[in-house]
Amino acid sequence: MTDSILDLGPQVRVVARLAEGVADVQLVDGTPCPRYAVRDILGHLVGLSAAFRDAGRKDLGATTDTSPDTALPDLGPGWREELPRVLGELADAWRDPGAWTGMTRAGGVDLPGEVAGAVAADELVIHGWDLARATGQDYAPDPAALEAAHAFLRAAAAEPGRDGGEGIFGPVVPVPSDAPLLDRTVGLGGRDPGWTRKA
């Protein structure tokens, strides 16, 4: 894996731009994640960025040991400064070839570095889509991150014990095989590619 390290920087910049485009009045709006409002998606992005930053650094502790299901994520008052900062730190951590080797931990789960890197790419791609759809912004994920997210989700759905209809983030939404790669990835991530904001 270290021969083809994925630079998360381009996708981080996409997500940071989307977050910058969120108006305060949109923080309470619904998203493609039924339990999450926009503020919760942003809070989750802050938390996962810190967790995967530390997973990449092999700096294991509170950020890497906490399951994302422990509590509904929310935002602190300084999130507009905090989120781009921790996103940048996440990208920097995974530029180190050592991040992709050995074992690490994220969400309280021990996993190989290369798998953790793929999960980070997936989280950034899927939640970038969530945020864009919920706030009415255009979304063009980094192509390399999108490919990595799709490969990860496709492999996860094919794992023994899953019948192909259950992904790691909920039931897979069937999407035609000739649909755009983003739609197929979103479907594997348990989202309906046709989801739109309610007026």
C-alpha atoms as a PDB file:
ATOM      1  CA  MET A   1       0.000   0.000   0.000  1.00  0.00           C
ATOM      2  CA  THR A   2       2.847   2.375   0.723  1.00  0.00           C
ATOM      3  CA  ASP A   3       3.749   2.361  -2.970  1.00  0.00           C
ATOM      4  CA  SER A   4       0.450   4.091  -3.748  1.00  0.00           C
ATOM      5  CA  ILE A   5      -0.358   6.285  -0.771  1.00  0.00           C
ATOM      6  CA  LEU A   6      -3.570   8.214  -1.250  1.00  0.00           C
ATOM      7  CA  ASP A   7      -3.206  11.937  -0.671  1.00  0.00           C
ATOM      8  CA  LEU A   8      -6.296  12.903   1.307  1.00  0.00           C
ATOM      9  CA  GLY A   9      -5.489  16.599   0.822  1.00  0.00           C
ATOM     10  CA  PRO A  10      -7.653  17.175  -2.263  1.00  0.00           C
ATOM     11  CA  GLN A  11     -10.733  15.621  -0.633  1.00  0.00           C
ATOM     12  CA  VAL A  12     -10.044  17.483   2.609  1.00  0.00           C
ATOM     13  CA  ARG A  13     -10.079  20.739   0.647  1.00  0.00           C
ATOM     14  CA  VAL A  14     -13.418  19.807  -0.934  1.00  0.00           C
ATOM     15  CA  VAL A  15     -14.957  19.138   2.476  1.00  0.00           C
ATOM     16  CA  ALA A  16     -13.493  22.333   3.951  1.00  0.00           C
ATOM     17  CA  ARG A  17     -14.972  24.362   1.089  1.00  0.00           C
ATOM     18  CA  LEU A  18     -18.390  22.780   1.655  1.00  0.00           C
ATOM     19  CA  ALA A  19     -18.240  23.522   5.373  1.00  0.00           C
ATOM     20  CA  GLU A  20     -17.302  27.125   4.654  1.00  0.00           C
ATOM     21  CA  GLY A  21     -20.411  27.399   2.478  1.00  0.00           C
ATOM     22  CA  VAL A  22     -22.807  26.348   5.253  1.00  0.00           C
ATOM     23  CA  ALA A  23     -24.976  29.208   6.490  1.00  0.00           C
ATOM     24  CA  ASP A  24     -25.757  29.354  10.201  1.00  0.00           C
ATOM     25  CA  VAL A  25     -29.476  28.990   9.465  1.00  0.00           C
ATOM     26  CA  GLN A  26     -28.783  25.648   7.761  1.00  0.00           C
ATOM     27  CA  LEU A  27     -27.265  24.026  10.853  1.00  0.00           C
ATOM     28  CA  VAL A  28     -30.645  22.649  11.965  1.00  0.00           C
ATOM     29  CA  ASP A  29     -31.634  21.336   8.515  1.00  0.00           C
ATOM     30  CA  GLY A  30     -32.036  17.626   7.856  1.00  0.00           C
ATOM     31  CA  THR A  31     -29.488  15.527   5.967  1.00  0.00           C
ATOM     32  CA  PRO A  32     -29.391  12.173   4.170  1.00  0.00           C
ATOM     33  CA  CYS A  33     -28.489  10.672   7.596  1.00  0.00           C
ATOM     34  CA  PRO A  34     -31.908  10.411   9.274  1.00  0.00           C
ATOM     35  CA  ARG A  35     -30.620  11.063  12.812  1.00  0.00           C
ATOM     36  CA  TYR A  36     -28.232  13.845  11.840  1.00  0.00           C
ATOM     37  CA  ALA A  37     -28.885  17.519  11.216  1.00  0.00           C
ATOM     38  CA  VAL A  38     -26.279  19.560   9.344  1.00  0.00           C
ATOM     39  CA  ARG A  39     -24.673  20.566  12.664  1.00  0.00           C
ATOM     40  CA  ASP A  40     -24.310  16.890  13.576  1.00  0.00           C
ATOM     41  CA  ILE A  41     -22.611  16.056  10.264  1.00  0.00           C
ATOM     42  CA  LEU A  42     -20.196  18.932  10.857  1.00  0.00           C
ATOM     43  CA  GLY A  43     -19.605  17.803  14.442  1.00  0.00           C
ATOM     44  CA  HIS A  44     -18.980  14.278  13.216  1.00  0.00           C
ATOM     45  CA  LEU A  45     -16.476  15.611  10.677  1.00  0.00           C
ATOM     46  CA  VAL A  46     -14.613  17.443  13.450  1.00  0.00           C
ATOM     47  CA  GLY A  47     -14.478  14.292  15.574  1.00  0.00           C
ATOM     48  CA  LEU A  48     -13.573  11.854  12.819  1.00  0.00           C
ATOM     49  CA  SER A  49     -10.889  14.178  11.490  1.00  0.00           C
ATOM     50  CA  ALA A  50      -9.223  14.288  14.907  1.00  0.00           C
ATOM     51  CA  ALA A  51      -9.608  10.520  15.314  1.00  0.00           C
ATOM     52  CA  PHE A  52      -8.138   9.644  11.918  1.00  0.00           C
ATOM     53  CA  ARG A  53      -5.411  12.270  12.312  1.00  0.00           C
ATOM     54  CA  ASP A  54      -4.334  10.506  15.488  1.00  0.00           C
ATOM     55  CA  ALA A  55      -4.809   7.066  13.934  1.00  0.00           C
ATOM     56  CA  GLY A  56      -2.441   8.107  11.145  1.00  0.00           C
ATOM     57  CA  ARG A  57       0.070   9.380  13.674  1.00  0.00           C
ATOM     58  CA  LYS A  58      -0.362   6.162  15.730  1.00  0.00           C
ATOM     59  CA  ASP A  59      -1.147   8.483  18.639  1.00  0.00           C
ATOM     60  CA  LEU A  60      -3.748   6.230  20.240  1.00  0.00           C
ATOM     61  CA  GLY A  61      -5.928   7.488  23.050  1.00  0.00           C
ATOM     62  CA  ALA A  62      -9.273   9.143  23.704  1.00  0.00           C
ATOM     63  CA  THR A  63      -9.814  10.312  20.119  1.00  0.00           C
ATOM     64  CA  THR A  64      -9.133   6.888  18.598  1.00  0.00           C
ATOM     65  CA  ASP A  65     -10.793   4.793  21.312  1.00  0.00           C
ATOM     66  CA  THR A  66     -14.246   6.387  21.228  1.00  0.00           C
ATOM     67  CA  SER A  67     -16.959   4.802  19.095  1.00  0.00           C
ATOM     68  CA  PRO A  68     -18.741   7.297  16.828  1.00  0.00           C
ATOM     69  CA  ASP A  69     -22.034   5.865  18.116  1.00  0.00           C
ATOM     70  CA  THR A  70     -21.317   6.911  21.719  1.00  0.00           C
ATOM     71  CA  ALA A  71     -23.234  10.191  21.420  1.00  0.00           C
ATOM     72  CA  LEU A  72     -24.824  12.377  18.784  1.00  0.00           C
ATOM     73  CA  PRO A  73     -22.056  14.680  17.543  1.00  0.00           C
ATOM     74  CA  ASP A  74     -22.495  18.392  17.910  1.00  0.00           C
ATOM     75  CA  LEU A  75     -20.543  21.543  17.264  1.00  0.00           C
ATOM     76  CA  GLY A  76     -18.529  23.761  19.526  1.00  0.00           C
ATOM     77  CA  PRO A  77     -18.683  27.543  19.064  1.00  0.00           C
ATOM     78  CA  GLY A  78     -15.331  27.649  17.251  1.00  0.00           C
ATOM     79  CA  TRP A  79     -16.108  24.982  14.673  1.00  0.00           C
ATOM     80  CA  ARG A  80     -15.527  27.248  11.672  1.00  0.00           C
ATOM     81  CA  GLU A  81     -11.872  27.545  12.671  1.00  0.00           C
ATOM     82  CA  GLU A  82     -11.502  24.072  14.198  1.00  0.00           C
ATOM     83  CA  LEU A  83     -12.836  21.983  11.301  1.00  0.00           C
ATOM     84  CA  PRO A  84     -10.475  23.244   8.560  1.00  0.00           C
ATOM     85  CA  ARG A  85      -7.559  23.004  10.989  1.00  0.00           C
ATOM     86  CA  VAL A  86      -8.182  19.367  11.962  1.00  0.00           C
ATOM     87  CA  LEU A  87      -8.971  18.433   8.356  1.00  0.00           C
ATOM     88  CA  GLY A  88      -5.566  19.799   7.344  1.00  0.00           C
ATOM     89  CA  GLU A  89      -3.896  17.896  10.163  1.00  0.00           C
ATOM     90  CA  LEU A  90      -5.646  14.717   9.021  1.00  0.00           C
ATOM     91  CA  ALA A  91      -4.307  15.114   5.491  1.00  0.00           C
ATOM     92  CA  ASP A  92      -0.806  15.829   6.781  1.00  0.00           C
ATOM     93  CA  ALA A  93      -0.808  12.739   9.020  1.00  0.00           C
ATOM     94  CA  TRP A  94      -1.660  10.422   6.126  1.00  0.00           C
ATOM     95  CA  ARG A  95       1.086  11.826   3.898  1.00  0.00           C
ATOM     96  CA  ASP A  96       3.538   9.932   6.103  1.00  0.00           C
ATOM     97  CA  PRO A  97       4.144   6.457   4.619  1.00  0.00           C
ATOM     98  CA  GLY A  98       4.264   5.086   8.167  1.00  0.00           C
ATOM     99  CA  ALA A  99       0.569   5.885   8.593  1.00  0.00           C
ATOM    100  CA  TRP A 100      -0.274   3.207   6.027  1.00  0.00           C
ATOM    101  CA  THR A 101       1.763   0.425   7.662  1.00  0.00           C
ATOM    102  CA  GLY A 102       1.331  -1.606  10.827  1.00  0.00           C
ATOM    103  CA  MET A 103      -1.732  -1.458  13.027  1.00  0.00           C
ATOM    104  CA  THR A 104      -3.663   1.509  14.353  1.00  0.00           C
ATOM    105  CA  ARG A 105      -7.057   2.232  15.891  1.00  0.00           C
ATOM    106  CA  ALA A 106     -10.087   4.352  15.032  1.00  0.00           C
ATOM    107  CA  GLY A 107     -13.557   4.345  16.532  1.00  0.00           C
ATOM    108  CA  GLY A 108     -12.348   1.903  19.162  1.00  0.00           C
ATOM    109  CA  VAL A 109     -11.493  -0.692  16.497  1.00  0.00           C
ATOM    110  CA  ASP A 110      -7.971  -1.979  15.818  1.00  0.00           C
ATOM    111  CA  LEU A 111      -7.245  -2.212  12.103  1.00  0.00           C
ATOM    112  CA  PRO A 112      -4.350  -2.141   9.632  1.00  0.00           C
ATOM    113  CA  GLY A 113      -3.087   1.300   8.708  1.00  0.00           C
ATOM    114  CA  GLU A 114      -3.987   0.873   5.054  1.00  0.00           C
ATOM    115  CA  VAL A 115      -7.572  -0.017   6.001  1.00  0.00           C
ATOM    116  CA  ALA A 116      -7.811   2.980   8.339  1.00  0.00           C
ATOM    117  CA  GLY A 117      -6.646   5.219   5.493  1.00  0.00           C
ATOM    118  CA  ALA A 118      -9.344   3.805   3.213  1.00  0.00           C
ATOM    119  CA  VAL A 119     -11.964   4.341   5.920  1.00  0.00           C
ATOM    120  CA  ALA A 120     -10.830   7.952   6.301  1.00  0.00           C
ATOM    121  CA  ALA A 121     -11.217   8.501   2.552  1.00  0.00           C
ATOM    122  CA  ASP A 122     -14.660   6.909   2.658  1.00  0.00           C
ATOM    123  CA  GLU A 123     -15.795   9.061   5.590  1.00  0.00           C
ATOM    124  CA  LEU A 124     -14.657  12.227   3.818  1.00  0.00           C
ATOM    125  CA  VAL A 125     -16.336  11.290   0.533  1.00  0.00           C
ATOM    126  CA  ILE A 126     -19.649  10.139   1.988  1.00  0.00           C
ATOM    127  CA  HIS A 127     -20.037  12.911   4.537  1.00  0.00           C
ATOM    128  CA  GLY A 128     -18.952  15.459   1.945  1.00  0.00           C
ATOM    129  CA  TRP A 129     -21.890  14.251  -0.144  1.00  0.00           C
ATOM    130  CA  ASP A 130     -24.196  14.414   2.882  1.00  0.00           C
ATOM    131  CA  LEU A 131     -23.163  17.987   3.559  1.00  0.00           C
ATOM    132  CA  ALA A 132     -23.431  19.090  -0.067  1.00  0.00           C
ATOM    133  CA  ARG A 133     -26.891  17.591  -0.518  1.00  0.00           C
ATOM    134  CA  ALA A 134     -28.196  18.960   2.771  1.00  0.00           C
ATOM    135  CA  THR A 135     -27.002  22.500   2.029  1.00  0.00           C
ATOM    136  CA  GLY A 136     -27.661  22.641  -1.719  1.00  0.00           C
ATOM    137  CA  GLN A 137     -24.030  22.891  -2.775  1.00  0.00           C
ATOM    138  CA  ASP A 138     -22.352  21.360  -5.806  1.00  0.00           C
ATOM    139  CA  TYR A 139     -20.201  18.343  -5.041  1.00  0.00           C
ATOM    140  CA  ALA A 140     -17.281  16.992  -7.029  1.00  0.00           C
ATOM    141  CA  PRO A 141     -15.216  14.704  -4.785  1.00  0.00           C
ATOM    142  CA  ASP A 142     -11.553  14.066  -5.439  1.00  0.00           C
ATOM    143  CA  PRO A 143     -11.508  11.238  -8.016  1.00  0.00           C
ATOM    144  CA  ALA A 144      -8.819   9.216  -6.202  1.00  0.00           C
ATOM    145  CA  ALA A 145     -10.648   9.450  -2.871  1.00  0.00           C
ATOM    146  CA  LEU A 146     -13.908   8.485  -4.587  1.00  0.00           C
ATOM    147  CA  GLU A 147     -12.265   5.408  -6.132  1.00  0.00           C
ATOM    148  CA  ALA A 148     -10.834   4.423  -2.743  1.00  0.00           C
ATOM    149  CA  ALA A 149     -14.186   4.901  -1.002  1.00  0.00           C
ATOM    150  CA  HIS A 150     -16.007   2.834  -3.620  1.00  0.00           C
ATOM    151  CA  ALA A 151     -13.476   0.007  -3.424  1.00  0.00           C
ATOM    152  CA  PHE A 152     -13.655  -0.018   0.380  1.00  0.00           C
ATOM    153  CA  LEU A 153     -17.462  -0.036   0.536  1.00  0.00           C
ATOM    154  CA  ARG A 154     -17.770  -2.653  -2.212  1.00  0.00           C
ATOM    155  CA  ALA A 155     -15.344  -4.958  -0.394  1.00  0.00           C
ATOM    156  CA  ALA A 156     -17.122  -4.372   2.929  1.00  0.00           C
ATOM    157  CA  ALA A 157     -20.521  -5.274   1.448  1.00  0.00           C
ATOM    158  CA  ALA A 158     -19.029  -8.520   0.082  1.00  0.00           C
ATOM    159  CA  GLU A 159     -17.548  -9.638   3.412  1.00  0.00           C
ATOM    160  CA  PRO A 160     -18.650 -13.041   4.766  1.00  0.00           C
ATOM    161  CA  GLY A 161     -21.746 -12.677   6.876  1.00  0.00           C
ATOM    162  CA  ARG A 162     -23.151  -9.886   4.736  1.00  0.00           C
ATOM    163  CA  ASP A 163     -25.641 -10.824   2.046  1.00  0.00           C
ATOM    164  CA  GLY A 164     -24.695  -7.959  -0.235  1.00  0.00           C
ATOM    165  CA  GLY A 165     -27.671  -5.961   0.990  1.00  0.00           C
ATOM    166  CA  GLU A 166     -26.060  -4.808   4.219  1.00  0.00           C
ATOM    167  CA  GLY A 167     -23.220  -2.330   4.155  1.00  0.00           C
ATOM    168  CA  ILE A 168     -21.187  -1.134   7.090  1.00  0.00           C
ATOM    169  CA  PHE A 169     -23.265   2.057   7.323  1.00  0.00           C
ATOM    170  CA  GLY A 170     -26.676   0.478   6.877  1.00  0.00           C
ATOM    171  CA  PRO A 171     -28.623  -1.276   4.132  1.00  0.00           C
ATOM    172  CA  VAL A 172     -27.125  -0.823   0.681  1.00  0.00           C
ATOM    173  CA  VAL A 173     -29.365   1.225  -1.618  1.00  0.00           C
ATOM    174  CA  PRO A 174     -29.543  -0.511  -5.022  1.00  0.00           C
ATOM    175  CA  VAL A 175     -28.089   1.656  -7.786  1.00  0.00           C
ATOM    176  CA  PRO A 176     -27.810   0.676 -11.484  1.00  0.00           C
ATOM    177  CA  SER A 177     -24.385  -0.649 -12.437  1.00  0.00           C
ATOM    178  CA  ASP A 178     -24.085   1.995 -15.164  1.00  0.00           C
ATOM    179  CA  ALA A 179     -24.812   4.872 -12.764  1.00  0.00           C
ATOM    180  CA  PRO A 180     -22.052   7.413 -12.043  1.00  0.00           C
ATOM    181  CA  LEU A 181     -19.403   6.171  -9.628  1.00  0.00           C
ATOM    182  CA  LEU A 182     -20.463   8.700  -6.989  1.00  0.00           C
ATOM    183  CA  ASP A 183     -24.053   7.404  -7.043  1.00  0.00           C
ATOM    184  CA  ARG A 184     -22.846   3.805  -6.749  1.00  0.00           C
ATOM    185  CA  THR A 185     -20.567   4.745  -3.864  1.00  0.00           C
ATOM    186  CA  VAL A 186     -23.302   6.652  -2.057  1.00  0.00           C
ATOM    187  CA  GLY A 187     -25.640   3.668  -2.488  1.00  0.00           C
ATOM    188  CA  LEU A 188     -23.052   1.339  -0.967  1.00  0.00           C
ATOM    189  CA  GLY A 189     -22.820   3.859   1.879  1.00  0.00           C
ATOM    190  CA  GLY A 190     -26.526   3.377   2.640  1.00  0.00           C
ATOM    191  CA  ARG A 191     -27.707   6.596   1.016  1.00  0.00           C
ATOM    192  CA  ASP A 192     -30.272   7.197  -1.697  1.00  0.00           C
ATOM    193  CA  PRO A 193     -28.476   9.072  -4.486  1.00  0.00           C
ATOM    194  CA  GLY A 194     -31.768  10.787  -5.276  1.00  0.00           C
ATOM    195  CA  TRP A 195     -32.113  12.330  -1.818  1.00  0.00           C
ATOM    196  CA  THR A 196     -33.017  16.007  -1.927  1.00  0.00           C
ATOM    197  CA  ARG A 197     -33.614  18.703   0.651  1.00  0.00           C
ATOM    198  CA  LYS A 198     -37.172  19.303   1.740  1.00  0.00           C
ATOM    199  CA  ALA A 199     -38.384  22.782   0.882  1.00  0.00           C
END
